[in-house]
Amino acid sequence: MIEAGKLRHRVSLQEYKTSRDPVTGDVLKRWVELGKLWASIEPLSAREFIAAAAEQSKVVARIVTRHNTAVTARMRFVHRGKVYNIEGVLADRESGLEYQTHPVSEGVNSG
């Protein structure tokens, strides 16, 4: 069970969408906010970071949220202007329905 106090960061969940401009017909591509979630943002420890680097991983942190089937690895989180690209969605070990962990990389993602 995850304590509510650990989910102290308010993050924006965004999805990359394409649409057509009704006037010009041009294809528009942009990140759209789907909503805000309470989350815990945990940078990797030095040991985890070294292990990840050894595997050529770009994961720099993990973001934990309450279980939400809408969240996929094609989305991203934004917190205080920092972009976190979701690299995976891992269910909790006990029930798989309480919370989920998202390994994330940093940086601008153009979709």
N, C-alpha and C. Protein backbone atom coordinates (compact mmCIF):
# COMPACT_ATOMS: atom_id res chain seq x y z
N MET A 1 0.84 -1.18 0.00
CA MET A 1 0.00 0.00 0.00
C MET A 1 0.88 1.24 0.00
N ILE A 2 0.58 2.18 -0.86
CA ILE A 2 1.35 3.42 -0.93
C ILE A 2 0.67 4.49 -0.09
N GLU A 3 1.44 5.21 0.68
CA GLU A 3 0.90 6.26 1.53
C GLU A 3 0.59 7.49 0.69
N ALA A 4 -0.57 8.09 0.94
CA ALA A 4 -1.00 9.26 0.18
C ALA A 4 0.02 10.39 0.26
N GLY A 5 0.69 10.55 1.40
CA GLY A 5 1.67 11.63 1.58
C GLY A 5 2.88 11.50 0.66
N LYS A 6 3.15 10.30 0.16
CA LYS A 6 4.28 10.12 -0.75
C LYS A 6 3.96 10.66 -2.14
N LEU A 7 2.68 10.73 -2.48
CA LEU A 7 2.28 11.25 -3.78
C LEU A 7 2.08 12.76 -3.63
N ARG A 8 3.17 13.49 -3.56
CA ARG A 8 3.11 14.91 -3.23
C ARG A 8 3.37 15.84 -4.42
N HIS A 9 3.69 15.28 -5.57
CA HIS A 9 3.96 16.09 -6.75
C HIS A 9 2.74 16.04 -7.68
N ARG A 10 2.34 17.18 -8.18
CA ARG A 10 1.22 17.25 -9.13
C ARG A 10 1.83 17.26 -10.53
N VAL A 11 1.59 16.22 -11.31
CA VAL A 11 2.18 16.12 -12.64
C VAL A 11 1.09 16.19 -13.70
N SER A 12 1.46 16.73 -14.84
CA SER A 12 0.56 16.78 -15.99
C SER A 12 0.81 15.54 -16.83
N LEU A 13 -0.24 14.80 -17.15
CA LEU A 13 -0.14 13.65 -18.04
C LEU A 13 -0.50 14.13 -19.44
N GLN A 14 0.40 13.93 -20.41
CA GLN A 14 0.19 14.44 -21.76
C GLN A 14 0.31 13.33 -22.79
N GLU A 15 -0.43 13.52 -23.88
CA GLU A 15 -0.41 12.58 -25.00
C GLU A 15 -0.19 13.36 -26.28
N TYR A 16 0.57 12.77 -27.20
CA TYR A 16 0.88 13.41 -28.48
C TYR A 16 -0.29 13.18 -29.43
N LYS A 17 -0.85 14.26 -29.94
CA LYS A 17 -2.03 14.16 -30.80
C LYS A 17 -1.76 14.84 -32.14
N THR A 18 -2.39 14.31 -33.17
CA THR A 18 -2.36 14.98 -34.47
C THR A 18 -3.80 15.33 -34.84
N SER A 19 -3.95 16.47 -35.50
CA SER A 19 -5.26 16.91 -35.96
C SER A 19 -5.06 17.73 -37.22
N ARG A 20 -6.14 18.13 -37.83
CA ARG A 20 -6.07 18.97 -39.04
C ARG A 20 -6.57 20.36 -38.73
N ASP A 21 -5.86 21.34 -39.25
CA ASP A 21 -6.31 22.73 -39.14
C ASP A 21 -7.54 22.85 -40.04
N PRO A 22 -8.68 23.29 -39.50
CA PRO A 22 -9.90 23.36 -40.30
C PRO A 22 -9.84 24.38 -41.43
N VAL A 23 -8.96 25.36 -41.32
CA VAL A 23 -8.86 26.40 -42.35
C VAL A 23 -7.89 26.01 -43.45
N THR A 24 -6.66 25.60 -43.05
CA THR A 24 -5.62 25.33 -44.04
C THR A 24 -5.52 23.85 -44.42
N GLY A 25 -6.03 22.98 -43.57
CA GLY A 25 -5.90 21.55 -43.82
C GLY A 25 -4.56 20.98 -43.40
N ASP A 26 -3.69 21.83 -42.86
CA ASP A 26 -2.38 21.38 -42.40
C ASP A 26 -2.53 20.41 -41.22
N VAL A 27 -1.61 19.45 -41.15
CA VAL A 27 -1.60 18.53 -40.03
C VAL A 27 -0.92 19.22 -38.85
N LEU A 28 -1.60 19.24 -37.72
CA LEU A 28 -1.07 19.84 -36.51
C LEU A 28 -0.67 18.73 -35.55
N LYS A 29 0.54 18.84 -35.01
CA LYS A 29 1.03 17.85 -34.05
C LYS A 29 1.38 18.58 -32.77
N ARG A 30 0.86 18.08 -31.64
CA ARG A 30 1.15 18.75 -30.37
C ARG A 30 0.84 17.83 -29.20
N TRP A 31 1.43 18.17 -28.06
CA TRP A 31 1.16 17.45 -26.83
C TRP A 31 -0.07 18.06 -26.18
N VAL A 32 -1.00 17.21 -25.77
CA VAL A 32 -2.25 17.65 -25.16
C VAL A 32 -2.33 17.11 -23.75
N GLU A 33 -2.69 17.96 -22.80
CA GLU A 33 -2.83 17.51 -21.41
C GLU A 33 -4.12 16.71 -21.27
N LEU A 34 -3.98 15.50 -20.71
CA LEU A 34 -5.14 14.65 -20.45
C LEU A 34 -5.68 14.85 -19.05
N GLY A 35 -4.82 15.36 -18.17
CA GLY A 35 -5.22 15.59 -16.79
C GLY A 35 -4.02 15.72 -15.89
N LYS A 36 -4.29 15.91 -14.62
CA LYS A 36 -3.23 16.03 -13.60
C LYS A 36 -3.34 14.84 -12.66
N LEU A 37 -2.19 14.33 -12.26
CA LEU A 37 -2.14 13.19 -11.33
C LEU A 37 -1.23 13.53 -10.16
N TRP A 38 -1.55 12.98 -8.99
CA TRP A 38 -0.63 13.06 -7.86
C TRP A 38 0.40 11.96 -8.03
N ALA A 39 1.66 12.29 -7.80
CA ALA A 39 2.73 11.33 -8.05
C ALA A 39 3.90 11.53 -7.09
N SER A 40 4.73 10.52 -7.06
CA SER A 40 6.01 10.58 -6.36
C SER A 40 7.09 10.53 -7.45
N ILE A 41 8.00 11.50 -7.43
CA ILE A 41 9.10 11.52 -8.39
C ILE A 41 10.36 11.15 -7.63
N GLU A 42 10.97 10.02 -8.01
CA GLU A 42 12.13 9.50 -7.30
C GLU A 42 13.30 9.36 -8.26
N PRO A 43 14.30 10.26 -8.15
CA PRO A 43 15.50 10.10 -8.99
C PRO A 43 16.19 8.78 -8.67
N LEU A 44 16.85 8.20 -9.67
CA LEU A 44 17.59 6.97 -9.41
C LEU A 44 18.73 7.26 -8.45
N SER A 45 19.03 6.31 -7.60
CA SER A 45 20.17 6.45 -6.71
C SER A 45 21.44 6.36 -7.55
N ALA A 46 22.57 6.76 -7.00
CA ALA A 46 23.84 6.69 -7.72
C ALA A 46 24.10 5.26 -8.19
N ARG A 47 23.81 4.30 -7.35
CA ARG A 47 24.04 2.90 -7.69
C ARG A 47 23.14 2.47 -8.85
N GLU A 48 21.85 2.84 -8.79
CA GLU A 48 20.92 2.49 -9.86
C GLU A 48 21.31 3.19 -11.16
N PHE A 49 21.76 4.46 -11.04
CA PHE A 49 22.14 5.22 -12.22
C PHE A 49 23.34 4.58 -12.91
N ILE A 50 24.32 4.14 -12.14
CA ILE A 50 25.51 3.49 -12.71
C ILE A 50 25.10 2.17 -13.38
N ALA A 51 24.22 1.41 -12.73
CA ALA A 51 23.75 0.15 -13.32
C ALA A 51 22.98 0.41 -14.61
N ALA A 52 22.15 1.45 -14.61
CA ALA A 52 21.38 1.79 -15.81
C ALA A 52 22.31 2.24 -16.93
N ALA A 53 23.33 3.01 -16.60
CA ALA A 53 24.28 3.48 -17.61
C ALA A 53 25.02 2.30 -18.22
N ALA A 54 25.31 1.31 -17.40
CA ALA A 54 26.01 0.13 -17.90
C ALA A 54 25.17 -0.61 -18.94
N GLU A 55 23.86 -0.49 -18.82
CA GLU A 55 22.96 -1.14 -19.76
C GLU A 55 22.54 -0.20 -20.89
N GLN A 56 23.18 0.96 -20.98
CA GLN A 56 22.87 1.96 -22.00
C GLN A 56 21.44 2.49 -21.85
N SER A 57 20.94 2.51 -20.63
CA SER A 57 19.58 2.96 -20.37
C SER A 57 19.52 4.47 -20.28
N LYS A 58 18.41 5.03 -20.70
CA LYS A 58 18.21 6.47 -20.61
C LYS A 58 17.32 6.82 -19.43
N VAL A 59 16.91 5.84 -18.63
CA VAL A 59 16.04 6.06 -17.49
C VAL A 59 16.81 6.81 -16.40
N VAL A 60 16.24 7.91 -15.90
CA VAL A 60 16.90 8.72 -14.88
C VAL A 60 16.12 8.79 -13.58
N ALA A 61 14.85 8.37 -13.61
CA ALA A 61 14.01 8.44 -12.41
C ALA A 61 12.85 7.48 -12.56
N ARG A 62 12.08 7.39 -11.47
CA ARG A 62 10.82 6.65 -11.54
C ARG A 62 9.74 7.56 -10.99
N ILE A 63 8.59 7.49 -11.61
CA ILE A 63 7.43 8.24 -11.15
C ILE A 63 6.37 7.22 -10.76
N VAL A 64 5.89 7.34 -9.53
CA VAL A 64 4.87 6.43 -9.02
C VAL A 64 3.54 7.17 -8.94
N THR A 65 2.48 6.56 -9.47
CA THR A 65 1.13 7.12 -9.43
C THR A 65 0.17 6.04 -8.96
N ARG A 66 -1.02 6.45 -8.63
CA ARG A 66 -2.06 5.46 -8.35
C ARG A 66 -2.34 4.71 -9.65
N HIS A 67 -2.84 3.50 -9.54
CA HIS A 67 -3.15 2.67 -10.71
C HIS A 67 -4.09 3.44 -11.65
N ASN A 68 -3.74 3.47 -12.93
CA ASN A 68 -4.55 4.17 -13.92
C ASN A 68 -4.30 3.50 -15.27
N THR A 69 -5.29 2.79 -15.78
CA THR A 69 -5.12 2.04 -17.03
C THR A 69 -4.96 2.94 -18.24
N ALA A 70 -5.25 4.23 -18.10
CA ALA A 70 -5.13 5.15 -19.23
C ALA A 70 -3.67 5.51 -19.54
N VAL A 71 -2.77 5.35 -18.57
CA VAL A 71 -1.38 5.75 -18.75
C VAL A 71 -0.63 4.69 -19.56
N THR A 72 0.05 5.14 -20.63
CA THR A 72 0.83 4.23 -21.48
C THR A 72 2.22 4.80 -21.70
N ALA A 73 3.10 3.98 -22.26
CA ALA A 73 4.47 4.40 -22.54
C ALA A 73 4.54 5.38 -23.72
N ARG A 74 3.44 5.65 -24.37
CA ARG A 74 3.42 6.63 -25.48
C ARG A 74 3.14 8.04 -24.96
N MET A 75 3.00 8.18 -23.65
CA MET A 75 2.67 9.47 -23.04
C MET A 75 3.88 10.04 -22.33
N ARG A 76 3.68 11.18 -21.69
CA ARG A 76 4.75 11.80 -20.91
C ARG A 76 4.14 12.53 -19.72
N PHE A 77 4.99 12.77 -18.72
CA PHE A 77 4.62 13.60 -17.58
C PHE A 77 5.39 14.90 -17.69
N VAL A 78 4.80 15.99 -17.21
CA VAL A 78 5.50 17.26 -17.10
C VAL A 78 5.31 17.75 -15.67
N HIS A 79 6.43 18.12 -15.03
CA HIS A 79 6.39 18.63 -13.66
C HIS A 79 7.34 19.82 -13.57
N ARG A 80 6.79 20.98 -13.20
CA ARG A 80 7.57 22.22 -13.07
C ARG A 80 8.42 22.49 -14.31
N GLY A 81 7.82 22.29 -15.48
CA GLY A 81 8.50 22.58 -16.74
C GLY A 81 9.46 21.49 -17.21
N LYS A 82 9.66 20.46 -16.41
CA LYS A 82 10.56 19.37 -16.80
C LYS A 82 9.75 18.25 -17.43
N VAL A 83 10.23 17.77 -18.57
CA VAL A 83 9.54 16.72 -19.32
C VAL A 83 10.11 15.36 -18.94
N TYR A 84 9.22 14.43 -18.59
CA TYR A 84 9.60 13.06 -18.26
C TYR A 84 8.89 12.13 -19.25
N ASN A 85 9.66 11.49 -20.12
CA ASN A 85 9.11 10.55 -21.09
C ASN A 85 8.91 9.19 -20.42
N ILE A 86 7.72 8.64 -20.54
CA ILE A 86 7.41 7.36 -19.90
C ILE A 86 8.01 6.23 -20.72
N GLU A 87 8.87 5.45 -20.08
CA GLU A 87 9.55 4.34 -20.74
C GLU A 87 8.86 2.99 -20.47
N GLY A 88 7.94 2.97 -19.53
CA GLY A 88 7.23 1.74 -19.22
C GLY A 88 6.20 1.96 -18.13
N VAL A 89 5.33 0.98 -17.94
CA VAL A 89 4.29 1.03 -16.91
C VAL A 89 4.35 -0.29 -16.15
N LEU A 90 4.73 -0.22 -14.88
CA LEU A 90 4.90 -1.43 -14.07
C LEU A 90 3.88 -1.44 -12.93
N ALA A 91 3.05 -2.46 -12.88
CA ALA A 91 2.04 -2.59 -11.83
C ALA A 91 2.70 -2.94 -10.50
N ASP A 92 2.02 -2.61 -9.39
CA ASP A 92 2.56 -2.98 -8.08
C ASP A 92 2.58 -4.50 -7.94
N ARG A 93 3.48 -4.99 -7.12
CA ARG A 93 3.71 -6.43 -7.01
C ARG A 93 2.61 -7.19 -6.30
N GLU A 94 1.91 -6.53 -5.40
CA GLU A 94 0.92 -7.26 -4.59
C GLU A 94 -0.37 -7.53 -5.35
N SER A 95 -1.10 -6.48 -5.70
CA SER A 95 -2.40 -6.68 -6.36
C SER A 95 -2.38 -6.30 -7.83
N GLY A 96 -1.43 -5.46 -8.21
CA GLY A 96 -1.40 -4.97 -9.58
C GLY A 96 -2.44 -3.91 -9.85
N LEU A 97 -3.16 -3.52 -8.82
CA LEU A 97 -4.27 -2.58 -8.99
C LEU A 97 -4.20 -1.34 -8.11
N GLU A 98 -3.18 -1.23 -7.26
CA GLU A 98 -3.12 -0.11 -6.33
C GLU A 98 -2.31 1.07 -6.88
N TYR A 99 -1.12 0.81 -7.33
CA TYR A 99 -0.27 1.88 -7.87
C TYR A 99 0.55 1.32 -9.03
N GLN A 100 1.22 2.21 -9.74
CA GLN A 100 2.11 1.76 -10.81
C GLN A 100 3.35 2.64 -10.83
N THR A 101 4.43 2.04 -11.27
CA THR A 101 5.71 2.72 -11.34
C THR A 101 6.05 2.92 -12.82
N HIS A 102 6.52 4.14 -13.13
CA HIS A 102 6.87 4.49 -14.51
C HIS A 102 8.35 4.86 -14.56
N PRO A 103 9.21 4.01 -15.13
CA PRO A 103 10.59 4.43 -15.37
C PRO A 103 10.52 5.56 -16.40
N VAL A 104 11.25 6.66 -16.17
CA VAL A 104 11.17 7.81 -17.07
C VAL A 104 12.55 8.30 -17.48
N SER A 105 12.59 8.88 -18.68
CA SER A 105 13.79 9.57 -19.15
C SER A 105 13.44 11.05 -19.21
N GLU A 106 14.45 11.90 -19.26
CA GLU A 106 14.21 13.34 -19.30
C GLU A 106 14.47 13.87 -20.70
N GLY A 107 13.83 15.00 -20.99
CA GLY A 107 14.12 15.69 -22.23
C GLY A 107 12.90 15.91 -23.07
N VAL A 108 13.04 16.82 -24.02
CA VAL A 108 11.92 17.14 -24.90
C VAL A 108 11.67 15.97 -25.83
N ASN A 109 10.43 15.59 -25.91
CA ASN A 109 10.01 14.48 -26.76
C ASN A 109 9.10 15.06 -27.83
N SER A 110 9.47 14.91 -29.07
CA SER A 110 8.68 15.48 -30.16
C SER A 110 7.64 14.51 -30.67
N GLY A 111 7.40 13.48 -29.91
CA GLY A 111 6.36 12.52 -30.28
C GLY A 111 6.96 11.32 -30.89
